Amino acid sequence: MEPQEPLKSYEGRGETLDEAFLDAARKALDDDRDRNVGRQFVVIRHVVTVDNPRISEHRVAIGG
């Protein structure tokens, strides 16, 4: 059995879910562009902060 590298995750924040995912993706590319371009990630966590009556911030973590 081959040793597996630890799961690396990237957290993104944004006023919209789209902005949060773009922020996380940018961080993944900044970390290792050659390795992460075209790579598939899974959503590890999605946290929403609500400032009544609207959502004020999305935080997502992706990894894989």
PDB file of N, CA and C in Angstrom:
ATOM      1  N   MET A   1       0.837  -1.169   0.000  1.00  0.00           N
ATOM      2  CA  MET A   1       0.000   0.000   0.000  1.00  0.00           C
ATOM      3  C   MET A   1       0.895   1.249   0.000  1.00  0.00           C
ATOM      4  N   GLU A   2       0.628   2.141  -0.945  1.00  0.00           N
ATOM      5  CA  GLU A   2       1.422   3.351  -1.068  1.00  0.00           C
ATOM      6  C   GLU A   2       1.026   4.366  -0.004  1.00  0.00           C
ATOM      7  N   PRO A   3       2.001   5.082   0.542  1.00  0.00           N
ATOM      8  CA  PRO A   3       1.639   6.125   1.513  1.00  0.00           C
ATOM      9  C   PRO A   3       0.886   7.243   0.797  1.00  0.00           C
ATOM     10  N   GLN A   4      -0.130   7.749   1.452  1.00  0.00           N
ATOM     11  CA  GLN A   4      -0.911   8.833   0.870  1.00  0.00           C
ATOM     12  C   GLN A   4      -0.505  10.143   1.520  1.00  0.00           C
ATOM     13  N   GLU A   5      -0.483  11.171   0.702  1.00  0.00           N
ATOM     14  CA  GLU A   5      -0.167  12.486   1.242  1.00  0.00           C
ATOM     15  C   GLU A   5      -1.392  13.014   1.987  1.00  0.00           C
ATOM     16  N   PRO A   6      -1.172  13.867   2.962  1.00  0.00           N
ATOM     17  CA  PRO A   6      -2.308  14.393   3.712  1.00  0.00           C
ATOM     18  C   PRO A   6      -3.209  15.256   2.835  1.00  0.00           C
ATOM     19  N   LEU A   7      -4.474  15.281   3.177  1.00  0.00           N
ATOM     20  CA  LEU A   7      -5.447  16.082   2.455  1.00  0.00           C
ATOM     21  C   LEU A   7      -5.124  17.555   2.642  1.00  0.00           C
ATOM     22  N   LYS A   8      -4.931  18.259   1.555  1.00  0.00           N
ATOM     23  CA  LYS A   8      -4.641  19.684   1.608  1.00  0.00           C
ATOM     24  C   LYS A   8      -5.925  20.421   1.267  1.00  0.00           C
ATOM     25  N   SER A   9      -6.247  21.434   2.045  1.00  0.00           N
ATOM     26  CA  SER A   9      -7.481  22.172   1.778  1.00  0.00           C
ATOM     27  C   SER A   9      -7.182  23.654   1.595  1.00  0.00           C
ATOM     28  N   TYR A  10      -8.095  24.322   0.927  1.00  0.00           N
ATOM     29  CA  TYR A  10      -7.966  25.744   0.640  1.00  0.00           C
ATOM     30  C   TYR A  10      -9.290  26.408   1.010  1.00  0.00           C
ATOM     31  N   GLU A  11      -9.208  27.480   1.797  1.00  0.00           N
ATOM     32  CA  GLU A  11     -10.420  28.166   2.227  1.00  0.00           C
ATOM     33  C   GLU A  11     -10.592  29.452   1.443  1.00  0.00           C
ATOM     34  N   GLY A  12     -11.833  29.685   1.022  1.00  0.00           N
ATOM     35  CA  GLY A  12     -12.158  30.907   0.306  1.00  0.00           C
ATOM     36  C   GLY A  12     -13.310  31.625   0.974  1.00  0.00           C
ATOM     37  N   ARG A  13     -13.343  32.939   0.819  1.00  0.00           N
ATOM     38  CA  ARG A  13     -14.405  33.755   1.402  1.00  0.00           C
ATOM     39  C   ARG A  13     -14.945  34.692   0.336  1.00  0.00           C
ATOM     40  N   GLY A  14     -16.237  34.992   0.453  1.00  0.00           N
ATOM     41  CA  GLY A  14     -16.831  35.948  -0.468  1.00  0.00           C
ATOM     42  C   GLY A  14     -18.248  36.297  -0.081  1.00  0.00           C
ATOM     43  N   GLU A  15     -18.726  37.401  -0.627  1.00  0.00           N
ATOM     44  CA  GLU A  15     -20.095  37.817  -0.354  1.00  0.00           C
ATOM     45  C   GLU A  15     -21.091  36.878  -1.027  1.00  0.00           C
ATOM     46  N   THR A  16     -20.666  36.260  -2.144  1.00  0.00           N
ATOM     47  CA  THR A  16     -21.498  35.267  -2.817  1.00  0.00           C
ATOM     48  C   THR A  16     -20.771  33.926  -2.790  1.00  0.00           C
ATOM     49  N   LEU A  17     -21.507  32.870  -3.014  1.00  0.00           N
ATOM     50  CA  LEU A  17     -20.906  31.537  -3.049  1.00  0.00           C
ATOM     51  C   LEU A  17     -19.892  31.448  -4.187  1.00  0.00           C
ATOM     52  N   ASP A  18     -20.214  32.053  -5.321  1.00  0.00           N
ATOM     53  CA  ASP A  18     -19.304  32.064  -6.460  1.00  0.00           C
ATOM     54  C   ASP A  18     -17.976  32.732  -6.105  1.00  0.00           C
ATOM     55  N   GLU A  19     -18.045  33.875  -5.424  1.00  0.00           N
ATOM     56  CA  GLU A  19     -16.823  34.576  -5.019  1.00  0.00           C
ATOM     57  C   GLU A  19     -15.997  33.736  -4.048  1.00  0.00           C
ATOM     58  N   ALA A  20     -16.665  33.028  -3.150  1.00  0.00           N
ATOM     59  CA  ALA A  20     -15.955  32.185  -2.185  1.00  0.00           C
ATOM     60  C   ALA A  20     -15.224  31.045  -2.896  1.00  0.00           C
ATOM     61  N   PHE A  21     -15.886  30.409  -3.886  1.00  0.00           N
ATOM     62  CA  PHE A  21     -15.225  29.335  -4.631  1.00  0.00           C
ATOM     63  C   PHE A  21     -14.073  29.868  -5.468  1.00  0.00           C
ATOM     64  N   LEU A  22     -14.231  31.037  -6.071  1.00  0.00           N
ATOM     65  CA  LEU A  22     -13.137  31.630  -6.850  1.00  0.00           C
ATOM     66  C   LEU A  22     -11.944  31.949  -5.958  1.00  0.00           C
ATOM     67  N   ASP A  23     -12.203  32.446  -4.762  1.00  0.00           N
ATOM     68  CA  ASP A  23     -11.122  32.745  -3.823  1.00  0.00           C
ATOM     69  C   ASP A  23     -10.368  31.470  -3.441  1.00  0.00           C
ATOM     70  N   ALA A  24     -11.097  30.401  -3.162  1.00  0.00           N
ATOM     71  CA  ALA A  24     -10.461  29.122  -2.812  1.00  0.00           C
ATOM     72  C   ALA A  24      -9.658  28.571  -3.994  1.00  0.00           C
ATOM     73  N   ALA A  25     -10.209  28.678  -5.196  1.00  0.00           N
ATOM     74  CA  ALA A  25      -9.512  28.183  -6.386  1.00  0.00           C
ATOM     75  C   ALA A  25      -8.225  28.969  -6.629  1.00  0.00           C
ATOM     76  N   ARG A  26      -8.281  30.279  -6.444  1.00  0.00           N
ATOM     77  CA  ARG A  26      -7.066  31.094  -6.607  1.00  0.00           C
ATOM     78  C   ARG A  26      -5.988  30.677  -5.619  1.00  0.00           C
ATOM     79  N   LYS A  27      -6.395  30.392  -4.405  1.00  0.00           N
ATOM     80  CA  LYS A  27      -5.422  29.974  -3.390  1.00  0.00           C
ATOM     81  C   LYS A  27      -4.804  28.627  -3.757  1.00  0.00           C
ATOM     82  N   ALA A  28      -5.612  27.723  -4.316  1.00  0.00           N
ATOM     83  CA  ALA A  28      -5.086  26.423  -4.742  1.00  0.00           C
ATOM     84  C   ALA A  28      -4.062  26.608  -5.868  1.00  0.00           C
ATOM     85  N   LEU A  29      -4.364  27.489  -6.814  1.00  0.00           N
ATOM     86  CA  LEU A  29      -3.431  27.729  -7.920  1.00  0.00           C
ATOM     87  C   LEU A  29      -2.178  28.455  -7.456  1.00  0.00           C
ATOM     88  N   ASP A  30      -2.333  29.399  -6.539  1.00  0.00           N
ATOM     89  CA  ASP A  30      -1.160  30.102  -6.010  1.00  0.00           C
ATOM     90  C   ASP A  30      -0.237  29.143  -5.261  1.00  0.00           C
ATOM     91  N   ASP A  31      -0.821  28.134  -4.621  1.00  0.00           N
ATOM     92  CA  ASP A  31      -0.038  27.171  -3.855  1.00  0.00           C
ATOM     93  C   ASP A  31       0.791  26.268  -4.776  1.00  0.00           C
ATOM     94  N   ASP A  32       0.170  25.737  -5.829  1.00  0.00           N
ATOM     95  CA  ASP A  32       0.879  24.818  -6.724  1.00  0.00           C
ATOM     96  C   ASP A  32       0.143  24.744  -8.065  1.00  0.00           C
ATOM     97  N   ARG A  33       0.440  25.683  -8.941  1.00  0.00           N
ATOM     98  CA  ARG A  33      -0.272  25.771 -10.213  1.00  0.00           C
ATOM     99  C   ARG A  33      -0.134  24.490 -11.037  1.00  0.00           C
ATOM    100  N   ASP A  34       1.067  23.972 -11.172  1.00  0.00           N
ATOM    101  CA  ASP A  34       1.293  22.788 -12.012  1.00  0.00           C
ATOM    102  C   ASP A  34       0.481  21.588 -11.528  1.00  0.00           C
ATOM    103  N   ARG A  35       0.385  21.442 -10.254  1.00  0.00           N
ATOM    104  CA  ARG A  35      -0.295  20.279  -9.701  1.00  0.00           C
ATOM    105  C   ARG A  35      -1.816  20.450  -9.645  1.00  0.00           C
ATOM    106  N   ASN A  36      -2.300  21.680  -9.445  1.00  0.00           N
ATOM    107  CA  ASN A  36      -3.727  21.880  -9.204  1.00  0.00           C
ATOM    108  C   ASN A  36      -4.543  22.287 -10.422  1.00  0.00           C
ATOM    109  N   VAL A  37      -3.903  22.671 -11.532  1.00  0.00           N
ATOM    110  CA  VAL A  37      -4.663  23.006 -12.739  1.00  0.00           C
ATOM    111  C   VAL A  37      -5.335  21.739 -13.254  1.00  0.00           C
ATOM    112  N   GLY A  38      -6.634  21.806 -13.452  1.00  0.00           N
ATOM    113  CA  GLY A  38      -7.393  20.661 -13.962  1.00  0.00           C
ATOM    114  C   GLY A  38      -7.746  19.619 -12.916  1.00  0.00           C
ATOM    115  N   ARG A  39      -7.305  19.820 -11.715  1.00  0.00           N
ATOM    116  CA  ARG A  39      -7.571  18.862 -10.636  1.00  0.00           C
ATOM    117  C   ARG A  39      -8.988  19.044 -10.104  1.00  0.00           C
ATOM    118  N   GLN A  40      -9.589  17.953  -9.669  1.00  0.00           N
ATOM    119  CA  GLN A  40     -10.920  18.016  -9.079  1.00  0.00           C
ATOM    120  C   GLN A  40     -10.804  18.100  -7.569  1.00  0.00           C
ATOM    121  N   PHE A  41     -11.626  18.936  -6.985  1.00  0.00           N
ATOM    122  CA  PHE A  41     -11.672  19.116  -5.542  1.00  0.00           C
ATOM    123  C   PHE A  41     -13.073  18.801  -5.047  1.00  0.00           C
ATOM    124  N   VAL A  42     -13.172  18.461  -3.792  1.00  0.00           N
ATOM    125  CA  VAL A  42     -14.475  18.251  -3.164  1.00  0.00           C
ATOM    126  C   VAL A  42     -14.697  19.380  -2.160  1.00  0.00           C
ATOM    127  N   VAL A  43     -15.965  19.678  -1.931  1.00  0.00           N
ATOM    128  CA  VAL A  43     -16.304  20.687  -0.927  1.00  0.00           C
ATOM    129  C   VAL A  43     -16.232  20.015   0.430  1.00  0.00           C
ATOM    130  N   ILE A  44     -15.368  20.517   1.275  1.00  0.00           N
ATOM    131  CA  ILE A  44     -15.198  19.965   2.611  1.00  0.00           C
ATOM    132  C   ILE A  44     -16.150  20.651   3.585  1.00  0.00           C
ATOM    133  N   ARG A  45     -16.301  21.958   3.387  1.00  0.00           N
ATOM    134  CA  ARG A  45     -17.122  22.718   4.337  1.00  0.00           C
ATOM    135  C   ARG A  45     -17.696  23.939   3.630  1.00  0.00           C
ATOM    136  N   HIS A  46     -18.924  24.306   4.001  1.00  0.00           N
ATOM    137  CA  HIS A  46     -19.559  25.536   3.515  1.00  0.00           C
ATOM    138  C   HIS A  46     -20.244  26.177   4.711  1.00  0.00           C
ATOM    139  N   VAL A  47     -19.792  27.373   5.081  1.00  0.00           N
ATOM    140  CA  VAL A  47     -20.337  28.092   6.230  1.00  0.00           C
ATOM    141  C   VAL A  47     -20.915  29.408   5.726  1.00  0.00           C
ATOM    142  N   VAL A  48     -22.110  29.718   6.201  1.00  0.00           N
ATOM    143  CA  VAL A  48     -22.783  30.941   5.788  1.00  0.00           C
ATOM    144  C   VAL A  48     -22.992  31.826   7.008  1.00  0.00           C
ATOM    145  N   THR A  49     -22.630  33.097   6.885  1.00  0.00           N
ATOM    146  CA  THR A  49     -22.893  34.073   7.941  1.00  0.00           C
ATOM    147  C   THR A  49     -24.062  34.929   7.481  1.00  0.00           C
ATOM    148  N   VAL A  50     -25.081  35.029   8.321  1.00  0.00           N
ATOM    149  CA  VAL A  50     -26.286  35.761   7.956  1.00  0.00           C
ATOM    150  C   VAL A  50     -26.339  37.073   8.727  1.00  0.00           C
ATOM    151  N   ASP A  51     -26.536  38.152   7.982  1.00  0.00           N
ATOM    152  CA  ASP A  51     -26.760  39.463   8.575  1.00  0.00           C
ATOM    153  C   ASP A  51     -28.179  39.836   8.164  1.00  0.00           C
ATOM    154  N   ASN A  52     -29.117  39.576   9.035  1.00  0.00           N
ATOM    155  CA  ASN A  52     -30.540  39.632   8.735  1.00  0.00           C
ATOM    156  C   ASN A  52     -30.894  40.823   7.864  1.00  0.00           C
ATOM    157  N   PRO A  53     -31.611  40.640   6.786  1.00  0.00           N
ATOM    158  CA  PRO A  53     -32.218  39.399   6.296  1.00  0.00           C
ATOM    159  C   PRO A  53     -31.439  38.755   5.157  1.00  0.00           C
ATOM    160  N   ARG A  54     -30.177  39.083   4.989  1.00  0.00           N
ATOM    161  CA  ARG A  54     -29.441  38.514   3.862  1.00  0.00           C
ATOM    162  C   ARG A  54     -28.155  37.835   4.325  1.00  0.00           C
ATOM    163  N   ILE A  55     -27.602  37.053   3.433  1.00  0.00           N
ATOM    164  CA  ILE A  55     -26.323  36.394   3.710  1.00  0.00           C
ATOM    165  C   ILE A  55     -25.212  37.419   3.499  1.00  0.00           C
ATOM    166  N   SER A  56     -24.343  37.550   4.482  1.00  0.00           N
ATOM    167  CA  SER A  56     -23.274  38.534   4.367  1.00  0.00           C
ATOM    168  C   SER A  56     -21.941  37.924   3.956  1.00  0.00           C
ATOM    169  N   GLU A  57     -21.766  36.618   4.197  1.00  0.00           N
ATOM    170  CA  GLU A  57     -20.498  36.000   3.833  1.00  0.00           C
ATOM    171  C   GLU A  57     -20.657  34.501   3.686  1.00  0.00           C
ATOM    172  N   HIS A  58     -19.986  33.964   2.652  1.00  0.00           N
ATOM    173  CA  HIS A  58     -19.855  32.516   2.453  1.00  0.00           C
ATOM    174  C   HIS A  58     -18.403  32.178   2.712  1.00  0.00           C
ATOM    175  N   ARG A  59     -18.161  31.071   3.404  1.00  0.00           N
ATOM    176  CA  ARG A  59     -16.806  30.533   3.577  1.00  0.00           C
ATOM    177  C   ARG A  59     -16.850  29.073   3.113  1.00  0.00           C
ATOM    178  N   VAL A  60     -15.969  28.728   2.225  1.00  0.00           N
ATOM    179  CA  VAL A  60     -15.915  27.359   1.731  1.00  0.00           C
ATOM    180  C   VAL A  60     -14.507  26.826   1.907  1.00  0.00           C
ATOM    181  N   ALA A  61     -14.405  25.526   2.062  1.00  0.00           N
ATOM    182  CA  ALA A  61     -13.112  24.850   2.070  1.00  0.00           C
ATOM    183  C   ALA A  61     -13.195  23.744   1.024  1.00  0.00           C
ATOM    184  N   ILE A  62     -12.198  23.717   0.134  1.00  0.00           N
ATOM    185  CA  ILE A  62     -12.124  22.668  -0.865  1.00  0.00           C
ATOM    186  C   ILE A  62     -10.854  21.878  -0.654  1.00  0.00           C
ATOM    187  N   GLY A  63     -10.869  20.630  -1.045  1.00  0.00           N
ATOM    188  CA  GLY A  63      -9.690  19.783  -0.907  1.00  0.00           C
ATOM    189  C   GLY A  63      -9.841  18.554  -1.766  1.00  0.00           C
ATOM    190  N   GLY A  64      -8.835  17.720  -1.750  1.00  0.00           N
ATOM    191  CA  GLY A  64      -8.966  16.495  -2.523  1.00  0.00           C
ATOM    192  C   GLY A  64      -7.638  15.938  -2.908  1.00  0.00           C
TER     193      GLY A  64
END
